Every structure is written in C-alpha cells, then in structure tokens.
C-alpha atoms as a PDB file:
ATOM      1  CA  MET A   1      64.093 -95.073  38.770  1.00  0.00           C
ATOM      2  CA  ALA A   2      60.416 -94.162  38.623  1.00  0.00           C
ATOM      3  CA  LYS A   3      58.976 -91.937  35.961  1.00  0.00           C
ATOM      4  CA  ALA A   4      57.517 -88.563  36.934  1.00  0.00           C
ATOM      5  CA  ILE A   5      53.759 -88.294  36.731  1.00  0.00           C
ATOM      6  CA  ARG A   6      52.988 -85.620  34.215  1.00  0.00           C
ATOM      7  CA  GLN A   7      49.264 -85.986  33.789  1.00  0.00           C
ATOM      8  CA  ILE A   8      46.508 -86.642  36.331  1.00  0.00           C
ATOM      9  CA  ASN A   9      43.266 -87.979  34.969  1.00  0.00           C
ATOM     10  CA  LYS A  10      40.353 -86.590  36.902  1.00  0.00           C
ATOM     11  CA  THR A  11      37.100 -88.396  36.518  1.00  0.00           C
ATOM     12  CA  ALA A  12      34.088 -86.197  36.863  1.00  0.00           C
ATOM     13  CA  PRO A  13      31.259 -88.045  38.576  1.00  0.00           C
ATOM     14  CA  ASN A  14      28.290 -88.741  36.388  1.00  0.00           C
ATOM     15  CA  PRO A  15      25.295 -86.789  37.795  1.00  0.00           C
ATOM     16  CA  LEU A  16      22.947 -89.715  37.191  1.00  0.00           C
ATOM     17  CA  GLU A  17      25.238 -92.154  39.004  1.00  0.00           C
ATOM     18  CA  GLU A  18      25.659 -89.671  41.850  1.00  0.00           C
ATOM     19  CA  GLN A  19      21.904 -89.257  42.160  1.00  0.00           C
ATOM     20  CA  SER A  20      21.235 -92.992  42.074  1.00  0.00           C
ATOM     21  CA  GLN A  21      23.888 -93.560  44.763  1.00  0.00           C
ATOM     22  CA  ALA A  22      22.292 -90.849  46.940  1.00  0.00           C
ATOM     23  CA  LEU A  23      18.867 -92.518  46.524  1.00  0.00           C
ATOM     24  CA  ALA A  24      20.333 -95.911  47.385  1.00  0.00           C
ATOM     25  CA  ASP A  25      21.889 -94.436  50.547  1.00  0.00           C
ATOM     26  CA  ILE A  26      18.558 -92.863  51.547  1.00  0.00           C
ATOM     27  CA  ILE A  27      16.626 -96.091  50.962  1.00  0.00           C
ATOM     28  CA  LYS A  28      19.198 -98.065  52.976  1.00  0.00           C
ATOM     29  CA  THR A  29      18.927 -95.582  55.857  1.00  0.00           C
ATOM     30  CA  LEU A  30      15.117 -95.770  55.734  1.00  0.00           C
ATOM     31  CA  ALA A  31      15.247 -99.560  55.817  1.00  0.00           C
ATOM     32  CA  ASP A  32      17.744 -99.589  58.694  1.00  0.00           C
ATOM     33  CA  ASN A  33      15.566 -97.238  60.783  1.00  0.00           C
ATOM     34  CA  ARG A  34      12.139 -98.569  59.805  1.00  0.00           C
ATOM     35  CA  GLU A  35      10.572 -98.617  63.309  1.00  0.00           C
ATOM     36  CA  GLY A  36      11.668 -95.109  64.223  1.00  0.00           C
ATOM     37  CA  ILE A  37      10.568 -93.661  60.910  1.00  0.00           C
ATOM     38  CA  LEU A  38       7.153 -95.329  61.122  1.00  0.00           C
ATOM     39  CA  SER A  39       6.694 -93.955  64.653  1.00  0.00           C
ATOM     40  CA  PHE A  40       7.747 -90.508  63.504  1.00  0.00           C
ATOM     41  CA  MET A  41       5.312 -90.653  60.593  1.00  0.00           C
ATOM     42  CA  ALA A  42       2.469 -91.644  62.950  1.00  0.00           C
ATOM     43  CA  ILE A  43       3.295 -88.679  65.202  1.00  0.00           C
ATOM     44  CA  LEU A  44       3.478 -86.400  62.193  1.00  0.00           C
ATOM     45  CA  LYS A  45       0.075 -87.647  60.979  1.00  0.00           C
ATOM     46  CA  ASN A  46      -1.476 -86.922  64.404  1.00  0.00           C
ATOM     47  CA  LEU A  47       0.045 -83.445  64.475  1.00  0.00           C
ATOM     48  CA  GLN A  48      -1.417 -82.783  61.036  1.00  0.00           C
ATOM     49  CA  GLU A  49      -4.859 -84.046  62.065  1.00  0.00           C
ATOM     50  CA  ILE A  50      -5.086 -81.749  65.086  1.00  0.00           C
ATOM     51  CA  GLY A  51      -3.817 -78.757  63.149  1.00  0.00           C
ATOM     52  CA  ILE A  52      -0.495 -78.181  64.854  1.00  0.00           C
ATOM     53  CA  LEU A  53       1.485 -78.464  61.633  1.00  0.00           C
ATOM     54  CA  ASP A  54      -0.733 -75.866  59.954  1.00  0.00           C
ATOM     55  CA  ALA A  55      -0.274 -73.513  62.906  1.00  0.00           C
ATOM     56  CA  LEU A  56       3.479 -74.091  62.929  1.00  0.00           C
ATOM     57  CA  HIS A  57       3.638 -73.473  59.177  1.00  0.00           C
ATOM     58  CA  ALA A  58       1.713 -70.205  59.589  1.00  0.00           C
ATOM     59  CA  ILE A  59       4.030 -69.105  62.419  1.00  0.00           C
ATOM     60  CA  LEU A  60       7.078 -69.826  60.275  1.00  0.00           C
ATOM     61  CA  GLU A  61       5.629 -67.898  57.337  1.00  0.00           C
ATOM     62  CA  LYS A  62       4.946 -64.899  59.583  1.00  0.00           C
ATOM     63  CA  ARG A  63       8.084 -65.345  61.710  1.00  0.00           C
ATOM     64  CA  THR A  64       9.044 -61.683  61.456  1.00  0.00           C
ATOM     65  CA  ASP A  65       5.661 -60.490  62.718  1.00  0.00           C
ATOM     66  CA  VAL A  66       5.582 -63.194  65.401  1.00  0.00           C
ATOM     67  CA  GLY A  67       9.109 -62.255  66.482  1.00  0.00           C
ATOM     68  CA  VAL A  68       8.132 -58.585  66.825  1.00  0.00           C
ATOM     69  CA  ILE A  69       5.087 -59.490  68.926  1.00  0.00           C
ATOM     70  CA  ALA A  70       7.154 -61.869  71.086  1.00  0.00           C
ATOM     71  CA  MET A  71       9.788 -59.196  71.719  1.00  0.00           C
ATOM     72  CA  GLN A  72       7.091 -56.667  72.619  1.00  0.00           C
ATOM     73  CA  GLN A  73       5.675 -59.138  75.143  1.00  0.00           C
ATOM     74  CA  VAL A  74       9.106 -59.919  76.608  1.00  0.00           C
ATOM     75  CA  ASN A  75       9.905 -56.216  76.962  1.00  0.00           C
ATOM     76  CA  GLN A  76       6.850 -55.479  79.088  1.00  0.00           C
ATOM     77  CA  PRO A  77       7.793 -54.321  82.608  1.00  0.00           C
ATOM     78  CA  GLY A  78       6.543 -57.339  84.557  1.00  0.00           C
ATOM     79  CA  MET A  79       7.802 -59.949  82.114  1.00  0.00           C
ATOM     80  CA  HIS A  80      11.413 -59.782  83.307  1.00  0.00           C
ATOM     81  CA  ASN A  81      10.300 -60.721  86.815  1.00  0.00           C
ATOM     82  CA  THR A  82       8.085 -63.472  85.413  1.00  0.00           C
ATOM     83  CA  ILE A  83      10.989 -65.002  83.496  1.00  0.00           C
ATOM     84  CA  ARG A  84      13.314 -64.797  86.500  1.00  0.00           C
ATOM     85  CA  ASN A  85      10.636 -66.292  88.756  1.00  0.00           C
ATOM     86  CA  ALA A  86      10.128 -69.157  86.304  1.00  0.00           C
ATOM     87  CA  ILE A  87      13.873 -69.861  86.356  1.00  0.00           C
ATOM     88  CA  TYR A  88      13.895 -69.795  90.174  1.00  0.00           C
ATOM     89  CA  LEU A  89      10.870 -72.119  90.225  1.00  0.00           C
ATOM     90  CA  PHE A  90      12.590 -74.643  87.943  1.00  0.00           C
ATOM     91  CA  ASN A  91      15.743 -74.463  90.076  1.00  0.00           C
ATOM     92  CA  PHE A  92      13.632 -75.015  93.213  1.00  0.00           C
ATOM     93  CA  MET A  93      11.860 -77.980  91.632  1.00  0.00           C
ATOM     94  CA  GLY A  94      15.248 -79.457  90.747  1.00  0.00           C
ATOM     95  CA  THR A  95      16.432 -79.328  94.362  1.00  0.00           C
ATOM     96  CA  MET A  96      13.450 -81.248  95.710  1.00  0.00           C
ATOM     97  CA  LYS A  97      13.378 -85.013  95.876  1.00  0.00           C
ATOM     98  CA  PRO A  98      10.460 -86.429  93.854  1.00  0.00           C
ATOM     99  CA  GLU A  99       9.111 -88.226  96.925  1.00  0.00           C
ATOM    100  CA  GLN A 100       9.068 -84.971  98.910  1.00  0.00           C
ATOM    101  CA  LEU A 101       7.263 -83.140  96.146  1.00  0.00           C
ATOM    102  CA  GLN A 102       4.741 -85.952  95.719  1.00  0.00           C
ATOM    103  CA  SER A 103       4.040 -86.032  99.450  1.00  0.00           C
ATOM    104  CA  MET A 104       3.710 -82.256  99.677  1.00  0.00           C
ATOM    105  CA  LEU A 105       1.460 -81.952  96.631  1.00  0.00           C
ATOM    106  CA  GLY A 106      -0.638 -84.888  97.847  1.00  0.00           C
ATOM    107  CA  GLY A 107      -1.147 -83.081 101.158  1.00  0.00           C
ATOM    108  CA  VAL A 108      -2.043 -79.831  99.406  1.00  0.00           C
ATOM    109  CA  THR A 109      -4.533 -81.639  97.179  1.00  0.00           C
ATOM    110  CA  LYS A 110      -6.180 -83.421 100.108  1.00  0.00           C
ATOM    111  CA  GLY A 111      -6.255 -80.166 102.104  1.00  0.00           C
ATOM    112  CA  LEU A 112      -7.922 -78.314  99.248  1.00  0.00           C
ATOM    113  CA  GLU A 113     -10.505 -81.104  98.919  1.00  0.00           C
ATOM    114  CA  ARG A 114     -11.343 -80.902 102.630  1.00  0.00           C
ATOM    115  CA  MET A 115     -11.465 -77.104 102.466  1.00  0.00           C
ATOM    116  CA  GLY A 116     -13.850 -77.303  99.503  1.00  0.00           C
ATOM    117  CA  GLU A 117     -16.109 -79.696 101.415  1.00  0.00           C
ATOM    118  CA  SER A 118     -16.270 -77.433 104.463  1.00  0.00           C
ATOM    119  CA  ILE A 119     -17.041 -74.395 102.305  1.00  0.00           C
ATOM    120  CA  LYS A 120     -19.689 -76.344 100.412  1.00  0.00           C
ATOM    121  CA  ASN A 121     -21.292 -77.486 103.675  1.00  0.00           C
ATOM    122  CA  HIS A 122     -21.027 -73.954 105.175  1.00  0.00           C
ATOM    123  CA  GLU A 123     -19.175 -75.341 108.192  1.00  0.00           C
ATOM    124  CA  GLN A 124     -18.203 -72.872 110.880  1.00  0.00           C
ATOM    125  CA  HIS A 125     -16.380 -73.930 114.015  1.00  0.00           C
ATOM    126  CA  SER A 126     -16.577 -72.274 117.368  1.00  0.00           C
ATOM    127  CA  LEU A 127     -13.423 -71.363 119.252  1.00  0.00           C
ATOM    128  CA  TRP A 128     -14.049 -74.368 121.495  1.00  0.00           C
ATOM    129  CA  GLN A 129     -14.207 -76.716 118.473  1.00  0.00           C
ATOM    130  CA  LEU A 130     -11.047 -75.159 117.042  1.00  0.00           C
ATOM    131  CA  GLY A 131      -9.250 -75.716 120.346  1.00  0.00           C
ATOM    132  CA  LYS A 132     -10.410 -79.336 120.483  1.00  0.00           C
ATOM    133  CA  SER A 133      -9.248 -79.948 116.919  1.00  0.00           C
ATOM    134  CA  ILE A 134      -5.633 -79.462 118.031  1.00  0.00           C
ATOM    135  CA  ARG A 135      -5.918 -82.908 119.659  1.00  0.00           C
ATOM    136  CA  ASP A 136      -6.728 -84.449 116.259  1.00  0.00           C
ATOM    137  CA  PRO A 137      -3.638 -86.381 115.057  1.00  0.00           C
ATOM    138  CA  GLU A 138      -4.061 -85.137 111.467  1.00  0.00           C
ATOM    139  CA  ILE A 139      -4.220 -81.510 112.619  1.00  0.00           C
ATOM    140  CA  ARG A 140      -1.181 -82.079 114.841  1.00  0.00           C
ATOM    141  CA  ALA A 141       0.768 -83.617 111.952  1.00  0.00           C
ATOM    142  CA  ALA A 142      -0.097 -80.661 109.710  1.00  0.00           C
ATOM    143  CA  MET A 143       0.792 -78.122 112.415  1.00  0.00           C
ATOM    144  CA  THR A 144       4.093 -79.891 113.153  1.00  0.00           C
ATOM    145  CA  THR A 145       4.901 -79.855 109.443  1.00  0.00           C
ATOM    146  CA  MET A 146       3.996 -76.164 109.192  1.00  0.00           C
ATOM    147  CA  MET A 147       6.146 -75.357 112.228  1.00  0.00           C
ATOM    148  CA  GLY A 148       9.115 -77.081 110.573  1.00  0.00           C
ATOM    149  CA  PHE A 149       8.387 -75.128 107.398  1.00  0.00           C
ATOM    150  CA  LEU A 150       8.248 -71.845 109.332  1.00  0.00           C
ATOM    151  CA  HIS A 151      11.498 -72.640 111.164  1.00  0.00           C
ATOM    152  CA  GLY A 152      13.263 -73.377 107.873  1.00  0.00           C
ATOM    153  CA  MET A 153      11.913 -70.219 106.264  1.00  0.00           C
ATOM    154  CA  GLY A 154      12.972 -68.117 109.249  1.00  0.00           C
ATOM    155  CA  GLU A 155      16.414 -69.716 109.163  1.00  0.00           C
ATOM    156  CA  SER A 156      16.771 -68.748 105.503  1.00  0.00           C
ATOM    157  CA  PHE A 157      15.649 -65.195 106.241  1.00  0.00           C
ATOM    158  CA  SER A 158      18.203 -64.978 109.070  1.00  0.00           C
ATOM    159  CA  GLN A 159      20.989 -66.048 106.736  1.00  0.00           C
ATOM    160  CA  HIS A 160      19.887 -63.660 103.969  1.00  0.00           C
ATOM    161  CA  PRO A 161      18.116 -60.711 105.637  1.00  0.00           C
ATOM    162  CA  GLU A 162      18.127 -58.661 102.422  1.00  0.00           C
ATOM    163  CA  GLN A 163      15.752 -61.176 100.829  1.00  0.00           C
ATOM    164  CA  GLU A 164      13.034 -60.929 103.480  1.00  0.00           C
ATOM    165  CA  LEU A 165       9.542 -60.255 102.233  1.00  0.00           C
ATOM    166  CA  HIS A 166       7.915 -57.132 103.536  1.00  0.00           C
END
C-alpha cells in the first residue's frame, strides 16, 4: 500500500529567474514578429514627427477636460440630428454597390466641372437653345437618369408618406 503524503514542498520561483524568463519570452516574440514590429516602429516614428503622438499625449493627460467639452458638444440641440444623419448616411453608403457610387460620383464631378466652366464663361442660353439641348444625347441620358431617380424617390414617399419632406 502507498504511503500518505504528509508534506508538500513548494518551490518559490526565484525573482531573477522569473525576470530572465520573461525577457527571453519578449525577445523571442520580437524576433518572431520582426517585420510587423519594424513596420509599427516606422509608423510610430512618423506619427511622432508630425506631432500626433504629442497631441494624443496631451489629450490623454487632459482627458477629463476633453471629455467635458466633448459631452457639451454632443448635448447641443442639433448634434443629435447630425449623429443620426451620419448613421443614416453610412447605412445608405453600405447599401450601394461600389460601381453605382463610382458612376454617380463621376457624373456629379463631371457635371460640376461643366457647370463651373459655364459660370466662368458667363454662358446664358436662350429658351430656344435650352429646347434644342434636349436633343443632345448627354442631356437626354442625364434627364432619363433624373427621371428614374424621381420615380424611385416618389415610390419611396408613397410607401412611407410620413417621411415626406415638406
């Protein structure tokens, strides 16, 4: 039959051995992740050079004051609508296909360029010229697109009449 264990010898870890093991673990981790750490250090150096780390350090030191100011800004009357609108905008952007957004924004950019040119050149069209421009294929494409947009918007307003803009 086995003898009962009456005494358990606990070995207290030597603080120096514990510290040297911790350093060895850290050095091994650094060596294993050399590329990532070097990239991180380069980013950190750039942030320091442009002053972002100093600004971040100052914000953290004054976090209570910054928090009070931030809460005062958030509690302003129009800010709640701004935050909700930002959330709706992000949701809207998430529903669009990237190709659609690129096409739409490309059209808006080109339209703004053409508008800027006509303003710069002080162009004014007569009613006759405006009527003739409807035959222009680019104008027709834009008007067809706008008609589709207006139909879709009206459809949405019909489904949700309480959300109509007045």
